[in-house]
Amino acid sequence: MGSNYDCFLQLSVLSVLIKIKGVRKKYTGKRAKKRPDLMLSVNYSNEYLLVEFKRPSHSLKHIDYQQVTGYRNDFVPFTSSEIKVLLIGGKRSSDLPPSFNNEPNTSIIFLMKLFQIQETK
């Protein structure tokens, strides 16, 4: 992620982001109280990064993938910028499709693989 993104926005301030950006729409509907864990503001390439964290013990399932891509779809009407998605969790569940089937600009990080890589170094 690095310094490319200039601002951290958490659950309670995502609706404020919409107001700051001058959008006259209100984030409403049945999913209005459901928001991603973290959203990084526009970077120098005019992109947002939306991050959803799951417990390291949690095996990422297709429903988790749908949840985070659904958040992106919820925010699309509020910006013309690209929204990249990052889903972070423990390991892959058997029902999570392979990464080559992911939507564009959607990445998944498996923490257990990172831990295994660190242990072998």
PDB file of N, CA and C in Angstrom:
ATOM      1  N   MET A   1       0.831  -1.179   0.000  1.00  0.00           N
ATOM      2  CA  MET A   1       0.000   0.000   0.000  1.00  0.00           C
ATOM      3  C   MET A   1       0.875   1.241   0.000  1.00  0.00           C
ATOM      4  N   GLY A   2       1.780   1.337   0.938  1.00  0.00           N
ATOM      5  CA  GLY A   2       2.764   2.397   0.945  1.00  0.00           C
ATOM      6  C   GLY A   2       2.205   3.806   1.007  1.00  0.00           C
ATOM      7  N   SER A   3       3.032   4.741   0.611  1.00  0.00           N
ATOM      8  CA  SER A   3       2.662   6.150   0.712  1.00  0.00           C
ATOM      9  C   SER A   3       1.859   6.644  -0.488  1.00  0.00           C
ATOM     10  N   ASN A   4       1.511   5.761  -1.403  1.00  0.00           N
ATOM     11  CA  ASN A   4       0.708   6.183  -2.554  1.00  0.00           C
ATOM     12  C   ASN A   4      -0.663   6.677  -2.148  1.00  0.00           C
ATOM     13  N   TYR A   5      -1.167   6.199  -1.040  1.00  0.00           N
ATOM     14  CA  TYR A   5      -2.502   6.593  -0.586  1.00  0.00           C
ATOM     15  C   TYR A   5      -2.348   7.587   0.539  1.00  0.00           C
ATOM     16  N   ASP A   6      -3.106   8.667   0.483  1.00  0.00           N
ATOM     17  CA  ASP A   6      -2.855   9.782   1.383  1.00  0.00           C
ATOM     18  C   ASP A   6      -3.687   9.815   2.653  1.00  0.00           C
ATOM     19  N   CYS A   7      -4.703   8.978   2.792  1.00  0.00           N
ATOM     20  CA  CYS A   7      -5.575   9.126   3.948  1.00  0.00           C
ATOM     21  C   CYS A   7      -6.222   7.798   4.306  1.00  0.00           C
ATOM     22  N   PHE A   8      -6.272   7.474   5.583  1.00  0.00           N
ATOM     23  CA  PHE A   8      -6.970   6.291   6.050  1.00  0.00           C
ATOM     24  C   PHE A   8      -8.380   6.671   6.448  1.00  0.00           C
ATOM     25  N   LEU A   9      -9.347   5.918   5.968  1.00  0.00           N
ATOM     26  CA  LEU A   9     -10.738   6.166   6.312  1.00  0.00           C
ATOM     27  C   LEU A   9     -11.320   4.886   6.891  1.00  0.00           C
ATOM     28  N   GLN A  10     -11.873   4.962   8.095  1.00  0.00           N
ATOM     29  CA  GLN A  10     -12.449   3.791   8.724  1.00  0.00           C
ATOM     30  C   GLN A  10     -13.957   3.825   8.625  1.00  0.00           C
ATOM     31  N   LEU A  11     -14.574   2.792   9.184  1.00  0.00           N
ATOM     32  CA  LEU A  11     -16.020   2.615   9.096  1.00  0.00           C
ATOM     33  C   LEU A  11     -16.824   3.886   9.278  1.00  0.00           C
ATOM     34  N   SER A  12     -16.593   4.581  10.361  1.00  0.00           N
ATOM     35  CA  SER A  12     -17.461   5.704  10.726  1.00  0.00           C
ATOM     36  C   SER A  12     -17.278   6.931   9.841  1.00  0.00           C
ATOM     37  N   VAL A  13     -16.200   7.001   9.075  1.00  0.00           N
ATOM     38  CA  VAL A  13     -15.974   8.212   8.292  1.00  0.00           C
ATOM     39  C   VAL A  13     -16.181   8.022   6.797  1.00  0.00           C
ATOM     40  N   LEU A  14     -16.575   6.861   6.358  1.00  0.00           N
ATOM     41  CA  LEU A  14     -16.787   6.673   4.929  1.00  0.00           C
ATOM     42  C   LEU A  14     -17.929   7.524   4.406  1.00  0.00           C
ATOM     43  N   SER A  15     -18.972   7.697   5.215  1.00  0.00           N
ATOM     44  CA  SER A  15     -20.062   8.564   4.767  1.00  0.00           C
ATOM     45  C   SER A  15     -19.599  10.022   4.723  1.00  0.00           C
ATOM     46  N   VAL A  16     -18.648  10.380   5.586  1.00  0.00           N
ATOM     47  CA  VAL A  16     -18.091  11.727   5.567  1.00  0.00           C
ATOM     48  C   VAL A  16     -17.301  11.933   4.281  1.00  0.00           C
ATOM     49  N   LEU A  17     -16.603  10.907   3.808  1.00  0.00           N
ATOM     50  CA  LEU A  17     -15.863  10.989   2.554  1.00  0.00           C
ATOM     51  C   LEU A  17     -16.781  11.433   1.429  1.00  0.00           C
ATOM     52  N   ILE A  18     -17.946  10.857   1.384  1.00  0.00           N
ATOM     53  CA  ILE A  18     -18.899  11.191   0.338  1.00  0.00           C
ATOM     54  C   ILE A  18     -19.267  12.667   0.417  1.00  0.00           C
ATOM     55  N   LYS A  19     -19.450  13.178   1.628  1.00  0.00           N
ATOM     56  CA  LYS A  19     -19.776  14.600   1.795  1.00  0.00           C
ATOM     57  C   LYS A  19     -18.593  15.487   1.411  1.00  0.00           C
ATOM     58  N   ILE A  20     -17.379  15.094   1.825  1.00  0.00           N
ATOM     59  CA  ILE A  20     -16.182  15.882   1.536  1.00  0.00           C
ATOM     60  C   ILE A  20     -15.976  15.997   0.032  1.00  0.00           C
ATOM     61  N   LYS A  21     -16.207  14.935  -0.685  1.00  0.00           N
ATOM     62  CA  LYS A  21     -15.971  14.924  -2.123  1.00  0.00           C
ATOM     63  C   LYS A  21     -17.058  15.695  -2.877  1.00  0.00           C
ATOM     64  N   GLY A  22     -18.034  16.252  -2.147  1.00  0.00           N
ATOM     65  CA  GLY A  22     -19.034  17.088  -2.772  1.00  0.00           C
ATOM     66  C   GLY A  22     -20.149  16.329  -3.464  1.00  0.00           C
ATOM     67  N   VAL A  23     -20.258  15.071  -3.162  1.00  0.00           N
ATOM     68  CA  VAL A  23     -21.324  14.277  -3.771  1.00  0.00           C
ATOM     69  C   VAL A  23     -22.614  14.548  -3.018  1.00  0.00           C
ATOM     70  N   ARG A  24     -23.677  14.762  -3.723  1.00  0.00           N
ATOM     71  CA  ARG A  24     -24.953  15.093  -3.100  1.00  0.00           C
ATOM     72  C   ARG A  24     -25.774  13.840  -2.781  1.00  0.00           C
ATOM     73  N   LYS A  25     -25.217  12.677  -3.027  1.00  0.00           N
ATOM     74  CA  LYS A  25     -25.931  11.435  -2.746  1.00  0.00           C
ATOM     75  C   LYS A  25     -25.632  10.984  -1.327  1.00  0.00           C
ATOM     76  N   LYS A  26     -26.553  10.288  -0.730  1.00  0.00           N
ATOM     77  CA  LYS A  26     -26.354   9.754   0.608  1.00  0.00           C
ATOM     78  C   LYS A  26     -26.221   8.242   0.506  1.00  0.00           C
ATOM     79  N   TYR A  27     -25.273   7.697   1.248  1.00  0.00           N
ATOM     80  CA  TYR A  27     -25.042   6.256   1.255  1.00  0.00           C
ATOM     81  C   TYR A  27     -26.150   5.613   2.083  1.00  0.00           C
ATOM     82  N   THR A  28     -27.174   5.083   1.409  1.00  0.00           N
ATOM     83  CA  THR A  28     -28.344   4.543   2.086  1.00  0.00           C
ATOM     84  C   THR A  28     -28.663   3.156   1.542  1.00  0.00           C
ATOM     85  N   GLY A  29     -29.742   2.602   2.032  1.00  0.00           N
ATOM     86  CA  GLY A  29     -30.177   1.283   1.582  1.00  0.00           C
ATOM     87  C   GLY A  29     -29.932   0.237   2.649  1.00  0.00           C
ATOM     88  N   LYS A  30     -30.235  -1.013   2.319  1.00  0.00           N
ATOM     89  CA  LYS A  30     -30.106  -2.067   3.323  1.00  0.00           C
ATOM     90  C   LYS A  30     -28.666  -2.302   3.745  1.00  0.00           C
ATOM     91  N   ARG A  31     -27.710  -1.899   2.927  1.00  0.00           N
ATOM     92  CA  ARG A  31     -26.300  -2.128   3.270  1.00  0.00           C
ATOM     93  C   ARG A  31     -25.629  -0.868   3.825  1.00  0.00           C
ATOM     94  N   ALA A  32     -26.391   0.163   4.142  1.00  0.00           N
ATOM     95  CA  ALA A  32     -25.811   1.442   4.573  1.00  0.00           C
ATOM     96  C   ALA A  32     -24.939   1.313   5.822  1.00  0.00           C
ATOM     97  N   LYS A  33     -25.276   0.415   6.715  1.00  0.00           N
ATOM     98  CA  LYS A  33     -24.486   0.253   7.940  1.00  0.00           C
ATOM     99  C   LYS A  33     -23.357  -0.762   7.756  1.00  0.00           C
ATOM    100  N   LYS A  34     -23.316  -1.417   6.623  1.00  0.00           N
ATOM    101  CA  LYS A  34     -22.252  -2.379   6.339  1.00  0.00           C
ATOM    102  C   LYS A  34     -21.206  -1.679   5.492  1.00  0.00           C
ATOM    103  N   ARG A  35     -20.020  -1.586   6.027  1.00  0.00           N
ATOM    104  CA  ARG A  35     -18.949  -0.886   5.336  1.00  0.00           C
ATOM    105  C   ARG A  35     -17.655  -1.681   5.458  1.00  0.00           C
ATOM    106  N   PRO A  36     -16.717  -1.433   4.563  1.00  0.00           N
ATOM    107  CA  PRO A  36     -15.431  -2.138   4.646  1.00  0.00           C
ATOM    108  C   PRO A  36     -14.652  -1.721   5.881  1.00  0.00           C
ATOM    109  N   ASP A  37     -13.662  -2.551   6.230  1.00  0.00           N
ATOM    110  CA  ASP A  37     -12.840  -2.259   7.397  1.00  0.00           C
ATOM    111  C   ASP A  37     -11.991  -1.007   7.194  1.00  0.00           C
ATOM    112  N   LEU A  38     -11.534  -0.793   5.989  1.00  0.00           N
ATOM    113  CA  LEU A  38     -10.622   0.320   5.735  1.00  0.00           C
ATOM    114  C   LEU A  38     -10.747   0.749   4.281  1.00  0.00           C
ATOM    115  N   MET A  39     -10.682   2.044   4.063  1.00  0.00           N
ATOM    116  CA  MET A  39     -10.634   2.548   2.696  1.00  0.00           C
ATOM    117  C   MET A  39      -9.588   3.640   2.651  1.00  0.00           C
ATOM    118  N   LEU A  40      -8.625   3.476   1.757  1.00  0.00           N
ATOM    119  CA  LEU A  40      -7.587   4.477   1.606  1.00  0.00           C
ATOM    120  C   LEU A  40      -8.014   5.446   0.527  1.00  0.00           C
ATOM    121  N   SER A  41      -7.806   6.690   0.774  1.00  0.00           N
ATOM    122  CA  SER A  41      -8.269   7.739  -0.131  1.00  0.00           C
ATOM    123  C   SER A  41      -7.499   7.709  -1.448  1.00  0.00           C
ATOM    124  N   VAL A  42      -7.880   8.571  -2.330  1.00  0.00           N
ATOM    125  CA  VAL A  42      -7.308   8.617  -3.668  1.00  0.00           C
ATOM    126  C   VAL A  42      -5.784   8.737  -3.617  1.00  0.00           C
ATOM    127  N   ASN A  43      -5.118   7.917  -4.427  1.00  0.00           N
ATOM    128  CA  ASN A  43      -3.662   8.003  -4.523  1.00  0.00           C
ATOM    129  C   ASN A  43      -3.289   8.899  -5.691  1.00  0.00           C
ATOM    130  N   TYR A  44      -2.021   8.929  -6.026  1.00  0.00           N
ATOM    131  CA  TYR A  44      -1.552   9.813  -7.091  1.00  0.00           C
ATOM    132  C   TYR A  44      -2.036   9.368  -8.464  1.00  0.00           C
ATOM    133  N   SER A  45      -2.520   8.143  -8.560  1.00  0.00           N
ATOM    134  CA  SER A  45      -3.075   7.646  -9.823  1.00  0.00           C
ATOM    135  C   SER A  45      -4.593   7.788  -9.851  1.00  0.00           C
ATOM    136  N   ASN A  46      -5.138   8.501  -8.885  1.00  0.00           N
ATOM    137  CA  ASN A  46      -6.586   8.720  -8.775  1.00  0.00           C
ATOM    138  C   ASN A  46      -7.348   7.409  -8.551  1.00  0.00           C
ATOM    139  N   GLU A  47      -6.820   6.559  -7.658  1.00  0.00           N
ATOM    140  CA  GLU A  47      -7.454   5.281  -7.324  1.00  0.00           C
ATOM    141  C   GLU A  47      -7.730   5.234  -5.823  1.00  0.00           C
ATOM    142  N   TYR A  48      -8.764   4.510  -5.455  1.00  0.00           N
ATOM    143  CA  TYR A  48      -9.036   4.206  -4.051  1.00  0.00           C
ATOM    144  C   TYR A  48      -8.611   2.769  -3.791  1.00  0.00           C
ATOM    145  N   LEU A  49      -8.310   2.466  -2.537  1.00  0.00           N
ATOM    146  CA  LEU A  49      -8.032   1.091  -2.134  1.00  0.00           C
ATOM    147  C   LEU A  49      -8.973   0.733  -0.998  1.00  0.00           C
ATOM    148  N   LEU A  50      -9.780  -0.276  -1.213  1.00  0.00           N
ATOM    149  CA  LEU A  50     -10.758  -0.740  -0.232  1.00  0.00           C
ATOM    150  C   LEU A  50     -10.220  -2.059   0.344  1.00  0.00           C
ATOM    151  N   VAL A  51     -10.088  -2.136   1.673  1.00  0.00           N
ATOM    152  CA  VAL A  51      -9.489  -3.301   2.316  1.00  0.00           C
ATOM    153  C   VAL A  51     -10.485  -3.925   3.275  1.00  0.00           C
ATOM    154  N   GLU A  52     -10.624  -5.237   3.195  1.00  0.00           N
ATOM    155  CA  GLU A  52     -11.449  -5.996   4.136  1.00  0.00           C
ATOM    156  C   GLU A  52     -10.546  -7.011   4.829  1.00  0.00           C
ATOM    157  N   PHE A  53     -10.481  -6.929   6.165  1.00  0.00           N
ATOM    158  CA  PHE A  53      -9.661  -7.835   6.960  1.00  0.00           C
ATOM    159  C   PHE A  53     -10.532  -8.937   7.552  1.00  0.00           C
ATOM    160  N   LYS A  54     -10.029 -10.149   7.527  1.00  0.00           N
ATOM    161  CA  LYS A  54     -10.646 -11.281   8.225  1.00  0.00           C
ATOM    162  C   LYS A  54      -9.615 -11.822   9.210  1.00  0.00           C
ATOM    163  N   ARG A  55     -10.077 -12.510  10.221  1.00  0.00           N
ATOM    164  CA  ARG A  55      -9.172 -13.083  11.216  1.00  0.00           C
ATOM    165  C   ARG A  55      -8.149 -14.013  10.542  1.00  0.00           C
ATOM    166  N   PRO A  56      -6.924 -14.091  11.071  1.00  0.00           N
ATOM    167  CA  PRO A  56      -5.941 -15.021  10.494  1.00  0.00           C
ATOM    168  C   PRO A  56      -6.409 -16.479  10.550  1.00  0.00           C
ATOM    169  N   SER A  57      -7.280 -16.797  11.490  1.00  0.00           N
ATOM    170  CA  SER A  57      -7.788 -18.164  11.599  1.00  0.00           C
ATOM    171  C   SER A  57      -8.941 -18.439  10.634  1.00  0.00           C
ATOM    172  N   HIS A  58      -9.400 -17.399   9.949  1.00  0.00           N
ATOM    173  CA  HIS A  58     -10.556 -17.514   9.055  1.00  0.00           C
ATOM    174  C   HIS A  58     -10.113 -17.956   7.657  1.00  0.00           C
ATOM    175  N   SER A  59     -10.724 -19.014   7.154  1.00  0.00           N
ATOM    176  CA  SER A  59     -10.493 -19.434   5.773  1.00  0.00           C
ATOM    177  C   SER A  59     -11.401 -18.611   4.870  1.00  0.00           C
ATOM    178  N   LEU A  60     -10.800 -17.932   3.911  1.00  0.00           N
ATOM    179  CA  LEU A  60     -11.569 -17.051   3.035  1.00  0.00           C
ATOM    180  C   LEU A  60     -12.479 -17.861   2.126  1.00  0.00           C
ATOM    181  N   LYS A  61     -13.731 -17.468   2.113  1.00  0.00           N
ATOM    182  CA  LYS A  61     -14.760 -18.159   1.347  1.00  0.00           C
ATOM    183  C   LYS A  61     -15.267 -17.251   0.232  1.00  0.00           C
ATOM    184  N   HIS A  62     -16.032 -17.832  -0.659  1.00  0.00           N
ATOM    185  CA  HIS A  62     -16.608 -17.059  -1.766  1.00  0.00           C
ATOM    186  C   HIS A  62     -17.487 -15.934  -1.234  1.00  0.00           C
ATOM    187  N   ILE A  63     -18.198 -16.167  -0.150  1.00  0.00           N
ATOM    188  CA  ILE A  63     -19.068 -15.128   0.424  1.00  0.00           C
ATOM    189  C   ILE A  63     -18.253 -13.923   0.913  1.00  0.00           C
ATOM    190  N   ASP A  64     -17.019 -14.153   1.392  1.00  0.00           N
ATOM    191  CA  ASP A  64     -16.137 -13.048   1.798  1.00  0.00           C
ATOM    192  C   ASP A  64     -15.744 -12.219   0.581  1.00  0.00           C
ATOM    193  N   TYR A  65     -15.446 -12.906  -0.503  1.00  0.00           N
ATOM    194  CA  TYR A  65     -15.103 -12.240  -1.763  1.00  0.00           C
ATOM    195  C   TYR A  65     -16.295 -11.411  -2.251  1.00  0.00           C
ATOM    196  N   GLN A  66     -17.478 -11.988  -2.186  1.00  0.00           N
ATOM    197  CA  GLN A  66     -18.681 -11.272  -2.606  1.00  0.00           C
ATOM    198  C   GLN A  66     -18.934 -10.056  -1.714  1.00  0.00           C
ATOM    199  N   GLN A  67     -18.652 -10.194  -0.425  1.00  0.00           N
ATOM    200  CA  GLN A  67     -18.852  -9.089   0.507  1.00  0.00           C
ATOM    201  C   GLN A  67     -17.987  -7.893   0.110  1.00  0.00           C
ATOM    202  N   VAL A  68     -16.706  -8.115  -0.103  1.00  0.00           N
ATOM    203  CA  VAL A  68     -15.798  -7.004  -0.374  1.00  0.00           C
ATOM    204  C   VAL A  68     -16.020  -6.417  -1.772  1.00  0.00           C
ATOM    205  N   THR A  69     -16.313  -7.240  -2.744  1.00  0.00           N
ATOM    206  CA  THR A  69     -16.620  -6.689  -4.075  1.00  0.00           C
ATOM    207  C   THR A  69     -17.973  -5.982  -4.060  1.00  0.00           C
ATOM    208  N   GLY A  70     -18.870  -6.426  -3.194  1.00  0.00           N
ATOM    209  CA  GLY A  70     -20.148  -5.733  -3.017  1.00  0.00           C
ATOM    210  C   GLY A  70     -19.954  -4.342  -2.441  1.00  0.00           C
ATOM    211  N   TYR A  71     -19.009  -4.204  -1.495  1.00  0.00           N
ATOM    212  CA  TYR A  71     -18.702  -2.878  -0.960  1.00  0.00           C
ATOM    213  C   TYR A  71     -18.242  -1.952  -2.086  1.00  0.00           C
ATOM    214  N   ARG A  72     -17.361  -2.479  -2.950  1.00  0.00           N
ATOM    215  CA  ARG A  72     -16.895  -1.655  -4.071  1.00  0.00           C
ATOM    216  C   ARG A  72     -18.079  -1.224  -4.930  1.00  0.00           C
ATOM    217  N   ASN A  73     -18.955  -2.160  -5.241  1.00  0.00           N
ATOM    218  CA  ASN A  73     -20.118  -1.836  -6.069  1.00  0.00           C
ATOM    219  C   ASN A  73     -21.001  -0.784  -5.413  1.00  0.00           C
ATOM    220  N   ASP A  74     -21.075  -0.809  -4.082  1.00  0.00           N
ATOM    221  CA  ASP A  74     -21.863   0.195  -3.356  1.00  0.00           C
ATOM    222  C   ASP A  74     -21.286   1.601  -3.517  1.00  0.00           C
ATOM    223  N   PHE A  75     -19.948   1.708  -3.621  1.00  0.00           N
ATOM    224  CA  PHE A  75     -19.300   3.013  -3.693  1.00  0.00           C
ATOM    225  C   PHE A  75     -19.123   3.540  -5.110  1.00  0.00           C
ATOM    226  N   VAL A  76     -19.302   2.692  -6.107  1.00  0.00           N
ATOM    227  CA  VAL A  76     -19.122   3.118  -7.495  1.00  0.00           C
ATOM    228  C   VAL A  76     -19.943   4.366  -7.845  1.00  0.00           C
ATOM    229  N   PRO A  77     -21.210   4.474  -7.404  1.00  0.00           N
ATOM    230  CA  PRO A  77     -21.984   5.677  -7.769  1.00  0.00           C
ATOM    231  C   PRO A  77     -21.430   6.984  -7.182  1.00  0.00           C
ATOM    232  N   PHE A  78     -20.526   6.887  -6.207  1.00  0.00           N
ATOM    233  CA  PHE A  78     -20.041   8.075  -5.517  1.00  0.00           C
ATOM    234  C   PHE A  78     -18.713   8.604  -6.039  1.00  0.00           C
ATOM    235  N   THR A  79     -18.115   7.898  -6.990  1.00  0.00           N
ATOM    236  CA  THR A  79     -16.823   8.336  -7.505  1.00  0.00           C
ATOM    237  C   THR A  79     -16.643   7.871  -8.942  1.00  0.00           C
ATOM    238  N   SER A  80     -15.871   8.626  -9.680  1.00  0.00           N
ATOM    239  CA  SER A  80     -15.504   8.182 -11.026  1.00  0.00           C
ATOM    240  C   SER A  80     -14.111   7.561 -11.017  1.00  0.00           C
ATOM    241  N   SER A  81     -13.485   7.528  -9.837  1.00  0.00           N
ATOM    242  CA  SER A  81     -12.147   6.938  -9.699  1.00  0.00           C
ATOM    243  C   SER A  81     -12.234   5.423  -9.629  1.00  0.00           C
ATOM    244  N   GLU A  82     -11.132   4.796  -9.997  1.00  0.00           N
ATOM    245  CA  GLU A  82     -11.032   3.342  -9.901  1.00  0.00           C
ATOM    246  C   GLU A  82     -10.954   2.947  -8.425  1.00  0.00           C
ATOM    247  N   ILE A  83     -11.605   1.840  -8.055  1.00  0.00           N
ATOM    248  CA  ILE A  83     -11.567   1.345  -6.679  1.00  0.00           C
ATOM    249  C   ILE A  83     -10.939  -0.045  -6.700  1.00  0.00           C
ATOM    250  N   LYS A  84      -9.741  -0.139  -6.145  1.00  0.00           N
ATOM    251  CA  LYS A  84      -9.071  -1.433  -6.033  1.00  0.00           C
ATOM    252  C   LYS A  84      -9.526  -2.092  -4.734  1.00  0.00           C
ATOM    253  N   VAL A  85      -9.575  -3.420  -4.737  1.00  0.00           N
ATOM    254  CA  VAL A  85     -10.053  -4.173  -3.588  1.00  0.00           C
ATOM    255  C   VAL A  85      -8.961  -5.125  -3.110  1.00  0.00           C
ATOM    256  N   LEU A  86      -8.799  -5.188  -1.783  1.00  0.00           N
ATOM    257  CA  LEU A  86      -7.852  -6.108  -1.171  1.00  0.00           C
ATOM    258  C   LEU A  86      -8.561  -6.851  -0.048  1.00  0.00           C
ATOM    259  N   LEU A  87      -8.622  -8.167  -0.156  1.00  0.00           N
ATOM    260  CA  LEU A  87      -9.217  -9.039   0.859  1.00  0.00           C
ATOM    261  C   LEU A  87      -8.085  -9.776   1.547  1.00  0.00           C
ATOM    262  N   ILE A  88      -8.021  -9.688   2.875  1.00  0.00           N
ATOM    263  CA  ILE A  88      -6.928 -10.291   3.642  1.00  0.00           C
ATOM    264  C   ILE A  88      -7.514 -11.248   4.662  1.00  0.00           C
ATOM    265  N   GLY A  89      -7.015 -12.474   4.671  1.00  0.00           N
ATOM    266  CA  GLY A  89      -7.483 -13.478   5.626  1.00  0.00           C
ATOM    267  C   GLY A  89      -6.472 -14.593   5.787  1.00  0.00           C
ATOM    268  N   GLY A  90      -6.866 -15.627   6.523  1.00  0.00           N
ATOM    269  CA  GLY A  90      -5.949 -16.703   6.878  1.00  0.00           C
ATOM    270  C   GLY A  90      -5.504 -17.578   5.729  1.00  0.00           C
ATOM    271  N   LYS A  91      -6.431 -18.316   5.163  1.00  0.00           N
ATOM    272  CA  LYS A  91      -6.091 -19.211   4.057  1.00  0.00           C
ATOM    273  C   LYS A  91      -7.292 -19.366   3.141  1.00  0.00           C
ATOM    274  N   ARG A  92      -7.103 -20.068   2.048  1.00  0.00           N
ATOM    275  CA  ARG A  92      -8.139 -20.261   1.040  1.00  0.00           C
ATOM    276  C   ARG A  92      -9.064 -21.401   1.450  1.00  0.00           C
ATOM    277  N   SER A  93     -10.358 -21.141   1.382  1.00  0.00           N
ATOM    278  CA  SER A  93     -11.370 -22.179   1.557  1.00  0.00           C
ATOM    279  C   SER A  93     -11.558 -22.872   0.209  1.00  0.00           C
ATOM    280  N   SER A  94     -12.102 -24.065   0.232  1.00  0.00           N
ATOM    281  CA  SER A  94     -12.270 -24.818  -1.015  1.00  0.00           C
ATOM    282  C   SER A  94     -13.287 -24.181  -1.959  1.00  0.00           C
ATOM    283  N   ASP A  95     -14.199 -23.339  -1.440  1.00  0.00           N
ATOM    284  CA  ASP A  95     -15.195 -22.736  -2.333  1.00  0.00           C
ATOM    285  C   ASP A  95     -14.786 -21.371  -2.875  1.00  0.00           C
ATOM    286  N   LEU A  96     -13.587 -20.894  -2.535  1.00  0.00           N
ATOM    287  CA  LEU A  96     -13.112 -19.618  -3.071  1.00  0.00           C
ATOM    288  C   LEU A  96     -12.510 -19.876  -4.453  1.00  0.00           C
ATOM    289  N   PRO A  97     -13.041 -19.229  -5.486  1.00  0.00           N
ATOM    290  CA  PRO A  97     -12.525 -19.468  -6.841  1.00  0.00           C
ATOM    291  C   PRO A  97     -11.047 -19.096  -6.964  1.00  0.00           C
ATOM    292  N   PRO A  98     -10.346 -19.695  -7.915  1.00  0.00           N
ATOM    293  CA  PRO A  98      -8.933 -19.350  -8.123  1.00  0.00           C
ATOM    294  C   PRO A  98      -8.772 -17.889  -8.542  1.00  0.00           C
ATOM    295  N   SER A  99      -7.608 -17.341  -8.267  1.00  0.00           N
ATOM    296  CA  SER A  99      -7.377 -15.904  -8.484  1.00  0.00           C
ATOM    297  C   SER A  99      -7.534 -15.479  -9.943  1.00  0.00           C
ATOM    298  N   PHE A 100      -7.313 -16.371 -10.885  1.00  0.00           N
ATOM    299  CA  PHE A 100      -7.466 -15.961 -12.288  1.00  0.00           C
ATOM    300  C   PHE A 100      -8.918 -15.685 -12.643  1.00  0.00           C
ATOM    301  N   ASN A 101      -9.854 -16.033 -11.759  1.00  0.00           N
ATOM    302  CA  ASN A 101     -11.267 -15.728 -11.968  1.00  0.00           C
ATOM    303  C   ASN A 101     -11.722 -14.481 -11.215  1.00  0.00           C
ATOM    304  N   ASN A 102     -10.800 -13.815 -10.499  1.00  0.00           N
ATOM    305  CA  ASN A 102     -11.154 -12.592  -9.767  1.00  0.00           C
ATOM    306  C   ASN A 102     -11.554 -11.485 -10.725  1.00  0.00           C
ATOM    307  N   GLU A 103     -12.417 -10.601 -10.236  1.00  0.00           N
ATOM    308  CA  GLU A 103     -12.730  -9.389 -10.989  1.00  0.00           C
ATOM    309  C   GLU A 103     -11.446  -8.572 -11.124  1.00  0.00           C
ATOM    310  N   PRO A 104     -11.378  -7.705 -12.148  1.00  0.00           N
ATOM    311  CA  PRO A 104     -10.203  -6.832 -12.267  1.00  0.00           C
ATOM    312  C   PRO A 104     -10.025  -5.970 -11.012  1.00  0.00           C
ATOM    313  N   ASN A 105      -8.785  -5.672 -10.687  1.00  0.00           N
ATOM    314  CA  ASN A 105      -8.429  -4.819  -9.547  1.00  0.00           C
ATOM    315  C   ASN A 105      -8.895  -5.385  -8.216  1.00  0.00           C
ATOM    316  N   THR A 106      -8.916  -6.703  -8.106  1.00  0.00           N
ATOM    317  CA  THR A 106      -9.284  -7.376  -6.868  1.00  0.00           C
ATOM    318  C   THR A 106      -8.155  -8.345  -6.505  1.00  0.00           C
ATOM    319  N   SER A 107      -7.613  -8.181  -5.301  1.00  0.00           N
ATOM    320  CA  SER A 107      -6.508  -9.026  -4.850  1.00  0.00           C
ATOM    321  C   SER A 107      -6.862  -9.685  -3.522  1.00  0.00           C
ATOM    322  N   ILE A 108      -6.284 -10.860  -3.299  1.00  0.00           N
ATOM    323  CA  ILE A 108      -6.505 -11.597  -2.059  1.00  0.00           C
ATOM    324  C   ILE A 108      -5.139 -11.958  -1.489  1.00  0.00           C
ATOM    325  N   ILE A 109      -4.975 -11.700  -0.202  1.00  0.00           N
ATOM    326  CA  ILE A 109      -3.739 -12.066   0.496  1.00  0.00           C
ATOM    327  C   ILE A 109      -4.083 -13.101   1.554  1.00  0.00           C
ATOM    328  N   PHE A 110      -3.344 -14.206   1.530  1.00  0.00           N
ATOM    329  CA  PHE A 110      -3.537 -15.273   2.515  1.00  0.00           C
ATOM    330  C   PHE A 110      -2.416 -15.176   3.540  1.00  0.00           C
ATOM    331  N   LEU A 111      -2.786 -14.840   4.779  1.00  0.00           N
ATOM    332  CA  LEU A 111      -1.786 -14.623   5.826  1.00  0.00           C
ATOM    333  C   LEU A 111      -1.001 -15.886   6.138  1.00  0.00           C
ATOM    334  N   MET A 112      -1.632 -17.044   6.093  1.00  0.00           N
ATOM    335  CA  MET A 112      -0.930 -18.284   6.415  1.00  0.00           C
ATOM    336  C   MET A 112       0.207 -18.540   5.428  1.00  0.00           C
ATOM    337  N   LYS A 113       0.033 -18.179   4.167  1.00  0.00           N
ATOM    338  CA  LYS A 113       1.117 -18.320   3.184  1.00  0.00           C
ATOM    339  C   LYS A 113       2.256 -17.373   3.521  1.00  0.00           C
ATOM    340  N   LEU A 114       1.927 -16.152   3.945  1.00  0.00           N
ATOM    341  CA  LEU A 114       2.968 -15.196   4.326  1.00  0.00           C
ATOM    342  C   LEU A 114       3.757 -15.706   5.520  1.00  0.00           C
ATOM    343  N   PHE A 115       3.050 -16.275   6.507  1.00  0.00           N
ATOM    344  CA  PHE A 115       3.727 -16.822   7.684  1.00  0.00           C
ATOM    345  C   PHE A 115       4.631 -17.975   7.303  1.00  0.00           C
ATOM    346  N   GLN A 116       4.190 -18.826   6.391  1.00  0.00           N
ATOM    347  CA  GLN A 116       5.009 -19.960   5.937  1.00  0.00           C
ATOM    348  C   GLN A 116       6.250 -19.472   5.224  1.00  0.00           C
ATOM    349  N   ILE A 117       6.117 -18.444   4.417  1.00  0.00           N
ATOM    350  CA  ILE A 117       7.265 -17.894   3.700  1.00  0.00           C
ATOM    351  C   ILE A 117       8.272 -17.336   4.704  1.00  0.00           C
ATOM    352  N   GLN A 118       7.797 -16.636   5.745  1.00  0.00           N
ATOM    353  CA  GLN A 118       8.698 -16.070   6.759  1.00  0.00           C
ATOM    354  C   GLN A 118       9.429 -17.160   7.521  1.00  0.00           C
ATOM    355  N   GLU A 119       8.738 -18.266   7.825  1.00  0.00           N
ATOM    356  CA  GLU A 119       9.341 -19.352   8.589  1.00  0.00           C
ATOM    357  C   GLU A 119      10.450 -20.041   7.802  1.00  0.00           C
ATOM    358  N   THR A 120      10.346 -20.070   6.489  1.00  0.00           N
ATOM    359  CA  THR A 120      11.346 -20.756   5.676  1.00  0.00           C
ATOM    360  C   THR A 120      12.580 -19.892   5.426  1.00  0.00           C
ATOM    361  N   LYS A 121      12.512 -18.605   5.711  1.00  0.00           N
ATOM    362  CA  LYS A 121      13.669 -17.723   5.483  1.00  0.00           C
ATOM    363  C   LYS A 121      14.655 -17.824   6.609  1.00  0.00           C
TER     364      LYS A 121
END
